[in-house]
Amino acid sequence: MSTGQNIAAVIFDNDGTLVDSEHITLSVLMELAIEHGADVKEDDPERFLGAHLQLVFAEIEQRSGQSLPDDIFDIFRTRQTRRIDEGLSEMPGATECLTHLANAGIPMAVASNAPRAKMTRCLDATGLRDFFPTAHLISAYDVEVWKPAPDIFLHAAHVLGVAPEQCAIVEDSATGLDAAHAANGQVFALDPAGKFSDRPQTTALTTLTDLLEHL
């Protein structure tokens, strides 16, 4: 599907798209992998971005040859939350983009693989929370299916009352882009480094304000 055609709503990923939190998540994951004896590979950041944590921890276990602690999710969330609270920034252009969309009356939602509490904490920390009604903050834990499955985006479109084909979906990871395409949305990659330049039917954005040119 060509992007920028009859866009009636916008669905954003959260981490790495609206808030600059991916480096925090990756640093904690890499720490845990090393602490538990798993080798860190060069392509881990690309592969782990946007992935369901259960799959990431399963891979760490496989590499290390030992089971992770039963409370590994709690350990991860505690470290992640502490670093979010220590300082989290919005992605460049986020406030400007969201302000323009809100003033234009274009409905918006956030659709994240992360738990709702973490998503809300990040948006609160960056001052972006007020742009989204609570019902428009959608976690994969709500639908119990994670990206790259399209379910979360299909659910978000339903909540917004717009057909998926009329939704601009903005993502920054391969996992999220796969989900957006599977949902048949109009797919935009926040991709200042040009990682996804070879993806068909995907419009690259250097910053979020670039999205405004396509509405």
Protein backbone atom coordinates (compact mmCIF):
# COMPACT_ATOMS: atom_id res chain seq x y z
CA MET A 1 0.00 0.00 0.00
CA SER A 2 1.29 3.48 -0.84
CA THR A 3 1.71 5.73 2.17
CA GLY A 4 0.18 9.14 2.63
CA GLN A 5 -3.16 8.24 1.00
CA ASN A 6 -6.37 9.08 2.90
CA ILE A 7 -4.75 8.91 6.33
CA ALA A 8 -7.46 9.31 8.97
CA ALA A 9 -5.54 8.34 12.12
CA VAL A 10 -2.01 7.73 13.36
CA ILE A 11 -0.75 4.84 15.48
CA PHE A 12 2.66 5.22 17.09
CA ASP A 13 4.95 2.67 18.61
CA ASN A 14 6.33 4.00 21.89
CA ASP A 15 9.90 2.94 22.63
CA GLY A 16 12.31 4.39 20.11
CA THR A 17 9.48 6.10 18.26
CA LEU A 18 7.94 8.58 20.72
CA VAL A 19 10.43 8.19 23.58
CA ASP A 20 14.18 7.63 23.45
CA SER A 21 14.13 4.54 25.65
CA GLU A 22 15.52 1.79 23.44
CA HIS A 23 19.11 2.34 24.57
CA ILE A 24 17.94 1.88 28.17
CA THR A 25 16.17 -1.38 27.40
CA LEU A 26 19.07 -2.73 25.37
CA SER A 27 21.68 -1.81 27.97
CA VAL A 28 19.75 -3.67 30.68
CA LEU A 29 19.26 -6.72 28.45
CA MET A 30 22.95 -6.80 27.53
CA GLU A 31 23.92 -6.52 31.20
CA LEU A 32 21.66 -9.42 32.15
CA ALA A 33 22.95 -11.55 29.29
CA ILE A 34 26.58 -11.00 30.33
CA GLU A 35 25.84 -11.49 34.03
CA HIS A 36 24.33 -14.89 33.28
CA GLY A 37 27.09 -16.08 30.99
CA ALA A 38 25.58 -15.51 27.56
CA ASP A 39 27.70 -14.19 24.70
CA VAL A 40 26.58 -10.86 23.27
CA LYS A 41 26.40 -10.77 19.48
CA GLU A 42 26.86 -7.79 17.20
CA ASP A 43 23.34 -8.02 15.79
CA ASP A 44 21.60 -8.37 19.18
CA PRO A 45 20.39 -4.74 19.30
CA GLU A 46 18.73 -5.08 15.90
CA ARG A 47 17.14 -8.43 16.77
CA PHE A 48 16.09 -7.62 20.31
CA LEU A 49 14.52 -4.23 19.55
CA GLY A 50 10.75 -4.56 19.80
CA ALA A 51 10.87 -8.29 20.51
CA HIS A 52 8.78 -9.94 23.20
CA LEU A 53 10.89 -10.22 26.36
CA GLN A 54 10.00 -13.85 26.86
CA LEU A 55 11.67 -14.69 23.54
CA VAL A 56 14.73 -12.58 24.38
CA PHE A 57 15.19 -14.27 27.75
CA ALA A 58 14.70 -17.69 26.17
CA GLU A 59 17.55 -16.94 23.78
CA ILE A 60 19.77 -15.73 26.61
CA GLU A 61 19.09 -18.98 28.44
CA GLN A 62 19.92 -20.99 25.35
CA ARG A 63 23.22 -19.20 24.86
CA SER A 64 24.25 -19.41 28.49
CA GLY A 65 23.17 -23.01 28.99
CA GLN A 66 21.55 -22.17 32.30
CA SER A 67 18.14 -21.07 33.52
CA LEU A 68 17.57 -17.42 34.37
CA PRO A 69 16.18 -16.57 37.82
CA ASP A 70 12.44 -17.01 38.27
CA ASP A 71 12.15 -13.28 38.95
CA ILE A 72 14.13 -12.20 35.87
CA PHE A 73 11.23 -10.09 34.57
CA ASP A 74 11.07 -8.23 37.89
CA ILE A 75 14.84 -7.73 37.88
CA PHE A 76 14.67 -6.35 34.35
CA ARG A 77 11.74 -4.01 35.05
CA THR A 78 13.32 -2.67 38.24
CA ARG A 79 16.56 -1.72 36.47
CA GLN A 80 14.70 -0.36 33.46
CA THR A 81 12.36 1.76 35.60
CA ARG A 82 15.21 3.21 37.62
CA ARG A 83 17.00 4.35 34.47
CA ILE A 84 13.82 5.79 32.97
CA ASP A 85 13.31 7.82 36.13
CA GLU A 86 16.94 8.98 36.04
CA GLY A 87 16.34 10.68 32.71
CA LEU A 88 14.32 9.96 29.58
CA SER A 89 13.91 12.20 26.54
CA GLU A 90 11.30 12.34 23.84
CA MET A 91 12.38 11.47 20.31
CA PRO A 92 13.25 14.55 18.24
CA GLY A 93 10.14 16.30 16.97
CA ALA A 94 7.66 14.30 19.06
CA THR A 95 5.94 17.22 20.78
CA GLU A 96 5.78 19.24 17.57
CA CYS A 97 4.34 16.32 15.61
CA LEU A 98 1.75 15.39 18.24
CA THR A 99 0.72 19.01 18.72
CA HIS A 100 0.10 19.41 14.99
CA LEU A 101 -1.93 16.19 14.83
CA ALA A 102 -3.99 17.15 17.87
CA ASN A 103 -4.70 20.63 16.50
CA ALA A 104 -5.76 19.05 13.19
CA GLY A 105 -8.18 16.74 15.00
CA ILE A 106 -6.44 13.58 13.79
CA PRO A 107 -7.00 10.74 16.29
CA MET A 108 -3.88 9.09 17.65
CA ALA A 109 -2.98 5.97 19.62
CA VAL A 110 0.11 4.31 21.02
CA ALA A 111 0.55 0.57 20.44
CA SER A 112 3.46 -1.03 22.28
CA ASN A 113 4.74 -4.50 23.07
CA ALA A 114 5.61 -3.20 26.54
CA PRO A 115 3.31 -3.41 29.57
CA ARG A 116 0.89 -0.52 30.02
CA ALA A 117 2.58 0.66 33.23
CA LYS A 118 5.93 1.04 31.49
CA MET A 119 4.39 2.77 28.47
CA THR A 120 2.55 5.25 30.71
CA ARG A 121 5.64 5.89 32.81
CA CYS A 122 7.67 6.78 29.71
CA LEU A 123 5.00 9.10 28.35
CA ASP A 124 4.62 10.79 31.72
CA ALA A 125 8.39 11.23 32.03
CA THR A 126 8.57 12.99 28.66
CA GLY A 127 5.39 15.05 28.96
CA LEU A 128 3.66 13.28 26.07
CA ARG A 129 0.97 11.52 28.07
CA ASP A 130 -1.63 14.29 27.70
CA PHE A 131 -1.83 13.80 23.93
CA PHE A 132 -3.48 10.38 24.35
CA PRO A 133 -6.73 9.36 26.07
CA THR A 134 -6.21 6.35 28.32
CA ALA A 135 -8.24 4.16 25.95
CA HIS A 136 -5.78 5.01 23.18
CA LEU A 137 -2.79 3.58 25.07
CA ILE A 138 -2.71 -0.03 23.93
CA SER A 139 -0.33 -2.70 25.17
CA ALA A 140 0.26 -6.09 23.61
CA TYR A 141 -0.54 -7.41 27.08
CA ASP A 142 -4.10 -6.15 26.50
CA VAL A 143 -4.58 -8.30 23.40
CA GLU A 144 -2.18 -11.06 24.57
CA VAL A 145 -0.49 -11.16 21.16
CA TRP A 146 2.83 -9.47 20.49
CA LYS A 147 4.40 -7.89 17.42
CA PRO A 148 5.30 -9.02 14.76
CA ALA A 149 1.69 -10.27 14.80
CA PRO A 150 -0.64 -7.49 13.59
CA ASP A 151 -3.25 -7.85 16.34
CA ILE A 152 -2.21 -4.83 18.39
CA PHE A 153 -2.46 -2.51 15.39
CA LEU A 154 -5.77 -3.99 14.30
CA HIS A 155 -7.08 -3.44 17.83
CA ALA A 156 -5.75 0.13 17.89
CA ALA A 157 -7.47 0.89 14.58
CA HIS A 158 -10.71 -0.50 15.99
CA VAL A 159 -10.39 1.68 19.10
CA LEU A 160 -9.81 4.73 16.90
CA GLY A 161 -12.79 3.81 14.71
CA VAL A 162 -10.71 3.83 11.54
CA ALA A 163 -9.95 1.09 9.02
CA PRO A 164 -6.35 -0.17 9.30
CA GLU A 165 -5.77 0.84 5.68
CA GLN A 166 -6.41 4.48 6.68
CA CYS A 167 -3.99 4.42 9.61
CA ALA A 168 -0.45 5.71 9.43
CA ILE A 169 1.60 3.34 11.58
CA VAL A 170 4.94 4.71 12.77
CA GLU A 171 7.57 2.22 13.92
CA ASP A 172 11.32 2.05 14.46
CA SER A 173 12.07 -1.69 14.62
CA ALA A 174 11.95 -4.57 12.16
CA THR A 175 9.52 -6.40 14.44
CA GLY A 176 7.17 -3.43 14.53
CA LEU A 177 7.38 -2.79 10.80
CA ASP A 178 6.53 -6.44 10.11
CA ALA A 179 3.46 -6.08 12.32
CA ALA A 180 2.43 -2.83 10.64
CA HIS A 181 2.63 -4.38 7.18
CA ALA A 182 0.71 -7.44 8.36
CA ALA A 183 -2.03 -5.10 9.61
CA ASN A 184 -2.18 -3.55 6.12
CA GLY A 185 -1.56 -0.08 7.49
CA GLN A 186 0.31 2.74 5.80
CA VAL A 187 3.78 2.09 7.17
CA PHE A 188 6.32 4.72 8.20
CA ALA A 189 9.76 3.87 9.55
CA LEU A 190 11.41 6.34 11.90
CA ASP A 191 14.79 5.60 10.42
CA PRO A 192 17.41 8.38 10.60
CA ALA A 193 20.20 5.86 9.98
CA GLY A 194 18.60 4.39 6.85
CA LYS A 195 18.44 0.82 8.20
CA PHE A 196 15.17 0.10 6.43
CA SER A 197 15.83 1.84 3.12
CA ASP A 198 15.34 -1.39 1.20
CA ARG A 199 11.91 -2.16 2.68
CA PRO A 200 9.12 -1.99 0.08
CA GLN A 201 5.98 0.01 0.77
CA THR A 202 7.65 1.77 3.70
CA THR A 203 8.18 5.51 3.95
CA ALA A 204 11.30 6.56 5.85
CA LEU A 205 11.21 9.44 8.32
CA THR A 206 14.31 11.17 9.63
CA THR A 207 12.36 12.74 12.49
CA LEU A 208 8.71 12.55 13.52
CA THR A 209 7.95 15.96 12.04
CA ASP A 210 8.63 14.45 8.59
CA LEU A 211 5.36 12.55 9.01
CA LEU A 212 3.42 15.80 8.70
CA GLU A 213 4.41 16.10 5.04
CA HIS A 214 2.44 12.93 4.26
CA LEU A 215 -0.87 13.87 5.86
